Amino acid sequence: MKKLKTGILIKDKVYIRRLQKAIHTEYDQDIECIVFEDIENVCREAKRKQLDLVLIDETIPVAYEKLSRFCAIAIVSGTRRYDRSNDYGVIYKFQHVDDLVANMVQIYEEHHGNARIIAFTGACGNCGTSVLAAACAKAIAAKKKKVLYIDGETATSESDYLKEADALGIACGKEIGIHNLYEEKAYARFRELLDEVKYDFIVMDVQNAMLQYRDFASLVQELVIVETREGRAQLRATKLKQMLQELANVRVIRNKVDLDEEEAEGNDMEVIPFFHTYDSGQLIDKLAELEIFDTWI
């Protein structure tokens, strides 16, 4: 495993010196310790991707959910608590350095990377993939999962669909320099992200050409091809699915459907109703309430 850049924000200065000495003596090749005086500096360095893990005194107030978007968090406690939450792990302060480092590594491994990628792509234009992807991100965030939403369409941005993403607990690609995935730097940043930052889910809206770009398709755990009732869209959706048949989790969803007509035809595929009078914000709210996204959460 790589050398962990570990920030330390603990009030007990004597304990910090003892901890640094023990780690330097026994684990200098594995752990790099960086001592901080306040949480603002911790957050700044974490956002700059300069920290893998932060040890934080349990008496210091921290916005765990926001900080955990950028690094793993271990709360240093004077009591033996072994509970876990979505946002941090807990380390007992008074234990042998071997056990303490083992717990640090465990928390880092549990709370970084390993995000499940869900990618939406349209069989053709105007299938509604951007709205569906945004609704999926919102539905997952409502389950208290950490979500990164990336709008990979070059003509739009996340703010077009998730105007209050931060209030929903959703991080957006533009915040970390990811938008047009065809750009060399953006795609490299996306690949780095899979190992560096802890999200439970990365929800993406991408052009179907992206599925043949580099190794992108192999990184996706759930690929959703969105079609409509138009014959052209259904034909292209079928061709896309055939092209991607080696991927395990490819599903086709039919969007903008009149349910009465669909039931009359006896079609048993997954469908999204057509809400004629809704604007994009109302539509995302309505779609996020549907059970169709629950299978991924």
Protein backbone atom coordinates (compact mmCIF):
# COMPACT_ATOMS: atom_id res chain seq x y z
CA MET A 1 0.00 0.00 0.00
CA LYS A 2 1.15 3.58 -0.65
CA LYS A 3 2.51 5.78 2.13
CA LEU A 4 -0.48 7.35 3.87
CA LYS A 5 -0.39 11.13 4.18
CA THR A 6 -1.98 11.50 7.60
CA GLY A 7 -3.11 14.80 9.09
CA ILE A 8 -3.21 15.05 12.90
CA LEU A 9 -5.51 17.48 14.70
CA ILE A 10 -5.37 16.53 18.39
CA LYS A 11 -5.39 18.86 21.39
CA ASP A 12 -3.05 16.74 23.55
CA LYS A 13 0.43 17.92 22.45
CA VAL A 14 2.23 15.32 24.58
CA TYR A 15 0.21 12.57 22.90
CA ILE A 16 1.04 13.98 19.45
CA ARG A 17 4.79 13.86 20.21
CA ARG A 18 4.55 10.29 21.46
CA LEU A 19 2.47 9.28 18.43
CA GLN A 20 4.87 10.89 15.96
CA LYS A 21 7.88 9.23 17.63
CA ALA A 22 6.24 5.79 17.63
CA ILE A 23 5.16 6.02 13.99
CA HIS A 24 8.54 7.41 12.90
CA THR A 25 10.33 4.55 14.68
CA GLU A 26 8.12 1.66 13.55
CA TYR A 27 6.19 2.81 10.47
CA ASP A 28 8.19 5.55 8.79
CA GLN A 29 7.87 3.81 5.41
CA ASP A 30 4.09 3.52 5.72
CA ILE A 31 2.80 6.69 7.41
CA GLU A 32 3.65 10.38 6.90
CA CYS A 33 2.41 12.53 9.80
CA ILE A 34 1.42 16.18 9.30
CA VAL A 35 0.35 18.10 12.42
CA PHE A 36 -2.29 20.84 12.14
CA GLU A 37 -3.39 23.58 14.53
CA ASP A 38 -6.94 24.11 13.26
CA ILE A 39 -9.65 22.47 11.17
CA GLU A 40 -9.57 25.18 8.48
CA ASN A 41 -6.04 24.19 7.45
CA VAL A 42 -7.02 20.52 7.50
CA CYS A 43 -9.92 21.18 5.14
CA ARG A 44 -7.78 23.28 2.83
CA GLU A 45 -5.10 20.61 2.47
CA ALA A 46 -7.70 17.85 2.11
CA LYS A 47 -9.38 19.72 -0.75
CA ARG A 48 -5.98 20.09 -2.40
CA LYS A 49 -5.69 16.28 -2.25
CA GLN A 50 -2.71 16.50 0.09
CA LEU A 51 -4.20 14.19 2.76
CA ASP A 52 -5.31 10.57 2.62
CA LEU A 53 -6.44 10.29 6.24
CA VAL A 54 -7.03 12.71 9.12
CA LEU A 55 -6.87 11.86 12.83
CA ILE A 56 -9.19 14.27 14.66
CA ASP A 57 -9.70 14.73 18.39
CA GLU A 58 -13.25 13.73 19.34
CA THR A 59 -13.76 17.08 21.12
CA ILE A 60 -13.18 19.14 17.95
CA PRO A 61 -16.34 19.99 15.97
CA VAL A 62 -16.04 18.92 12.33
CA ALA A 63 -18.39 18.87 9.33
CA TYR A 64 -17.63 15.20 8.77
CA GLU A 65 -19.81 14.78 5.70
CA LYS A 66 -18.10 17.57 3.75
CA LEU A 67 -14.55 16.66 4.80
CA SER A 68 -15.09 12.98 4.03
CA ARG A 69 -15.59 13.86 0.36
CA PHE A 70 -11.86 14.51 0.17
CA CYS A 71 -10.17 12.11 2.59
CA ALA A 72 -10.81 9.39 5.16
CA ILE A 73 -11.49 10.50 8.76
CA ALA A 74 -10.56 8.74 12.00
CA ILE A 75 -11.93 10.17 15.25
CA VAL A 76 -9.43 9.70 18.10
CA SER A 77 -11.40 8.75 21.21
CA GLY A 78 -10.43 8.19 24.83
CA THR A 79 -13.02 5.43 25.10
CA ARG A 80 -13.09 2.07 23.35
CA ARG A 81 -15.71 2.63 20.67
CA TYR A 82 -15.69 0.51 17.55
CA ASP A 83 -18.71 1.90 15.79
CA ARG A 84 -18.62 3.08 12.19
CA SER A 85 -20.70 5.61 10.31
CA ASN A 86 -20.88 6.61 6.66
CA ASP A 87 -18.53 9.51 7.30
CA TYR A 88 -15.77 8.38 9.67
CA GLY A 89 -14.12 5.64 11.71
CA VAL A 90 -13.16 5.67 15.39
CA ILE A 91 -9.71 4.90 16.86
CA TYR A 92 -9.04 4.23 20.55
CA LYS A 93 -6.43 6.74 21.71
CA PHE A 94 -4.56 4.54 24.20
CA GLN A 95 -3.44 1.41 22.37
CA HIS A 96 -0.22 -0.07 21.05
CA VAL A 97 1.10 1.62 17.94
CA ASP A 98 0.76 -1.62 15.94
CA ASP A 99 -2.97 -1.77 16.67
CA LEU A 100 -3.41 1.95 16.09
CA VAL A 101 -1.74 1.84 12.67
CA ALA A 102 -3.73 -1.27 11.72
CA ASN A 103 -6.93 0.63 12.57
CA MET A 104 -5.77 3.65 10.57
CA VAL A 105 -5.16 1.49 7.51
CA GLN A 106 -8.51 -0.26 7.93
CA ILE A 107 -10.39 3.04 8.15
CA TYR A 108 -8.57 4.40 5.12
CA GLU A 109 -9.37 1.30 3.07
CA GLU A 110 -13.03 1.39 4.16
CA HIS A 111 -13.53 5.08 3.50
CA HIS A 112 -11.73 5.84 0.26
CA GLY A 113 -12.38 4.84 -3.33
CA ASN A 114 -14.61 1.87 -4.15
CA ALA A 115 -17.37 4.08 -5.51
CA ARG A 116 -20.05 2.33 -7.56
CA ILE A 117 -20.32 3.98 -10.97
CA ILE A 118 -23.75 4.31 -12.60
CA ALA A 119 -23.62 5.75 -16.12
CA PHE A 120 -26.66 6.90 -18.10
CA THR A 121 -26.45 7.25 -21.86
CA GLY A 122 -29.07 8.03 -24.48
CA ALA A 123 -29.83 5.87 -27.48
CA CYS A 124 -30.27 9.16 -29.36
CA GLY A 125 -30.76 12.84 -28.59
CA ASN A 126 -33.53 14.13 -26.32
CA CYS A 127 -34.05 10.83 -24.49
CA GLY A 128 -33.85 12.53 -21.09
CA THR A 129 -30.63 11.00 -19.77
CA SER A 130 -29.49 14.17 -17.98
CA VAL A 131 -32.72 14.46 -16.01
CA LEU A 132 -32.72 10.74 -15.17
CA ALA A 133 -29.10 10.83 -14.02
CA ALA A 134 -29.79 13.85 -11.82
CA ALA A 135 -32.88 12.16 -10.37
CA CYS A 136 -30.85 9.02 -9.66
CA ALA A 137 -28.18 11.07 -7.85
CA LYS A 138 -30.86 12.77 -5.78
CA ALA A 139 -32.58 9.47 -4.93
CA ILE A 140 -29.29 7.96 -3.75
CA ALA A 141 -28.36 11.06 -1.72
CA ALA A 142 -31.75 10.84 0.01
CA LYS A 143 -30.58 7.47 1.38
CA LYS A 144 -27.67 9.27 3.11
CA LYS A 145 -25.10 7.96 0.64
CA LYS A 146 -22.23 10.12 -0.58
CA VAL A 147 -22.76 10.88 -4.26
CA LEU A 148 -20.70 12.52 -6.97
CA TYR A 149 -22.72 13.62 -10.00
CA ILE A 150 -20.88 14.18 -13.28
CA ASP A 151 -22.61 15.61 -16.31
CA GLY A 152 -20.40 14.36 -19.12
CA GLU A 153 -22.44 16.04 -21.83
CA THR A 154 -20.31 18.81 -23.30
CA ALA A 155 -23.22 21.21 -23.84
CA THR A 156 -24.57 21.27 -20.28
CA SER A 157 -23.39 21.44 -16.69
CA GLU A 158 -24.55 19.99 -13.38
CA SER A 159 -26.01 23.34 -12.31
CA ASP A 160 -28.55 23.05 -15.12
CA TYR A 161 -30.19 20.14 -13.30
CA LEU A 162 -29.03 20.12 -9.67
CA LYS A 163 -29.13 23.76 -8.66
CA GLU A 164 -29.00 22.93 -4.94
CA ALA A 165 -26.60 19.98 -5.11
CA ASP A 166 -24.60 21.00 -2.04
CA ALA A 167 -27.73 21.26 0.11
CA LEU A 168 -28.65 17.76 -1.06
CA GLY A 169 -25.25 16.41 -0.09
CA ILE A 170 -24.27 15.83 -3.72
CA ALA A 171 -20.81 16.74 -4.99
CA CYS A 172 -20.55 17.82 -8.63
CA GLY A 173 -17.83 17.09 -11.15
CA LYS A 174 -17.20 20.75 -11.89
CA GLU A 175 -16.09 21.23 -8.27
CA ILE A 176 -13.13 18.92 -8.82
CA GLY A 177 -12.26 19.77 -12.41
CA ILE A 178 -14.27 17.09 -14.20
CA HIS A 179 -16.77 17.98 -16.91
CA ASN A 180 -15.87 17.16 -20.50
CA LEU A 181 -14.42 13.66 -20.11
CA TYR A 182 -12.91 13.79 -23.59
CA GLU A 183 -10.39 16.29 -22.31
CA GLU A 184 -7.11 14.63 -21.36
CA LYS A 185 -6.81 16.30 -17.95
CA ALA A 186 -10.45 15.71 -17.03
CA TYR A 187 -10.30 11.99 -17.83
CA ALA A 188 -7.01 11.60 -15.98
CA ARG A 189 -8.58 13.34 -12.98
CA PHE A 190 -11.58 11.00 -13.20
CA ARG A 191 -9.31 7.94 -13.16
CA GLU A 192 -7.38 9.29 -10.16
CA LEU A 193 -10.63 9.96 -8.36
CA LEU A 194 -11.54 6.27 -8.27
CA ASP A 195 -8.65 5.60 -5.89
CA GLU A 196 -8.33 8.91 -4.04
CA VAL A 197 -11.72 10.06 -2.82
CA LYS A 198 -14.48 8.31 -0.96
CA TYR A 199 -17.88 8.35 -2.61
CA ASP A 200 -20.45 5.61 -2.31
CA PHE A 201 -21.73 6.31 -5.83
CA ILE A 202 -20.62 8.22 -8.91
CA VAL A 203 -23.62 8.95 -11.13
CA MET A 204 -22.82 10.06 -14.67
CA ASP A 205 -24.60 11.27 -17.77
CA VAL A 206 -22.42 10.53 -20.82
CA GLN A 207 -22.62 10.52 -24.60
CA ASN A 208 -22.76 6.95 -25.94
CA ALA A 209 -19.50 7.55 -27.82
CA MET A 210 -17.89 7.67 -24.36
CA LEU A 211 -18.49 3.93 -24.05
CA GLN A 212 -15.75 3.35 -26.61
CA TYR A 213 -13.34 5.89 -25.14
CA ARG A 214 -10.26 4.34 -23.56
CA ASP A 215 -11.16 2.04 -20.64
CA PHE A 216 -14.31 3.89 -19.57
CA ALA A 217 -16.83 1.08 -20.19
CA SER A 218 -14.80 -1.37 -18.08
CA LEU A 219 -14.99 0.98 -15.09
CA VAL A 220 -18.81 1.18 -15.03
CA GLN A 221 -20.73 -1.14 -12.70
CA GLU A 222 -24.20 -0.16 -13.93
CA LEU A 223 -24.85 1.10 -17.46
CA VAL A 224 -28.31 2.44 -18.26
CA ILE A 225 -29.28 2.96 -21.90
CA VAL A 226 -32.23 5.32 -22.13
CA GLU A 227 -34.60 5.02 -25.09
CA THR A 228 -38.02 6.45 -25.96
CA ARG A 229 -40.98 5.04 -27.90
CA GLU A 230 -39.49 6.30 -31.17
CA GLY A 231 -38.44 3.46 -33.45
CA ARG A 232 -35.05 5.06 -34.12
CA ALA A 233 -34.28 5.25 -30.41
CA GLN A 234 -35.30 1.64 -29.80
CA LEU A 235 -33.19 0.40 -32.72
CA ARG A 236 -30.10 2.26 -31.52
CA ALA A 237 -30.66 1.06 -27.94
CA THR A 238 -30.72 -2.53 -29.17
CA LYS A 239 -27.50 -2.02 -31.14
CA LEU A 240 -25.81 -0.40 -28.15
CA LYS A 241 -26.76 -3.27 -25.89
CA GLN A 242 -25.45 -5.81 -28.40
CA MET A 243 -22.19 -3.90 -28.70
CA LEU A 244 -21.80 -3.92 -24.91
CA GLN A 245 -22.97 -7.48 -24.28
CA GLU A 246 -19.71 -8.38 -22.54
CA LEU A 247 -20.55 -5.97 -19.74
CA ALA A 248 -22.48 -7.68 -16.96
CA ASN A 249 -24.87 -4.91 -15.93
CA VAL A 250 -26.45 -3.24 -18.94
CA ARG A 251 -30.12 -2.32 -18.78
CA VAL A 252 -32.44 -0.45 -21.10
CA ILE A 253 -35.05 1.95 -19.71
CA ARG A 254 -37.81 3.44 -21.85
CA ASN A 255 -38.44 7.07 -20.93
CA LYS A 256 -41.39 9.43 -21.56
CA VAL A 257 -43.98 6.65 -21.72
CA ASP A 258 -47.76 6.85 -21.69
CA LEU A 259 -48.41 4.03 -19.21
CA ASP A 260 -51.84 3.13 -20.57
CA GLU A 261 -50.40 2.54 -24.05
CA GLU A 262 -47.46 0.57 -22.66
CA GLU A 263 -49.71 -1.73 -20.61
CA ALA A 264 -51.97 -2.29 -23.62
CA GLU A 265 -48.95 -3.51 -25.59
CA GLY A 266 -47.95 -5.86 -22.77
CA ASN A 267 -44.38 -4.57 -22.59
CA ASP A 268 -42.65 -5.68 -19.37
CA MET A 269 -39.48 -3.59 -19.66
CA GLU A 270 -38.65 -0.83 -17.18
CA VAL A 271 -40.42 2.38 -18.09
CA ILE A 272 -40.50 6.00 -16.89
CA PRO A 273 -43.84 7.82 -17.16
CA PHE A 274 -44.12 10.98 -19.27
CA PHE A 275 -44.87 13.93 -16.98
CA HIS A 276 -46.01 16.42 -19.62
CA THR A 277 -46.38 19.63 -17.60
CA TYR A 278 -43.30 19.46 -15.35
CA ASP A 279 -40.23 21.67 -15.67
CA SER A 280 -36.81 20.04 -15.23
CA GLY A 281 -36.59 20.74 -11.48
CA GLN A 282 -40.07 19.35 -10.78
CA LEU A 283 -39.36 16.39 -13.03
CA ILE A 284 -36.16 15.49 -11.19
CA ASP A 285 -38.00 15.66 -7.84
CA LYS A 286 -40.77 13.42 -9.15
CA LEU A 287 -38.47 10.87 -10.76
CA ALA A 288 -36.29 10.68 -7.63
CA GLU A 289 -39.32 9.32 -5.78
CA LEU A 290 -39.71 6.37 -8.16
CA GLU A 291 -38.65 2.90 -6.99
CA ILE A 292 -36.69 2.25 -10.18
CA PHE A 293 -33.43 3.49 -8.60
CA ASP A 294 -33.77 1.43 -5.39
CA THR A 295 -32.07 -1.65 -6.88
CA TRP A 296 -28.75 0.23 -6.91
CA ILE A 297 -28.86 1.59 -3.35
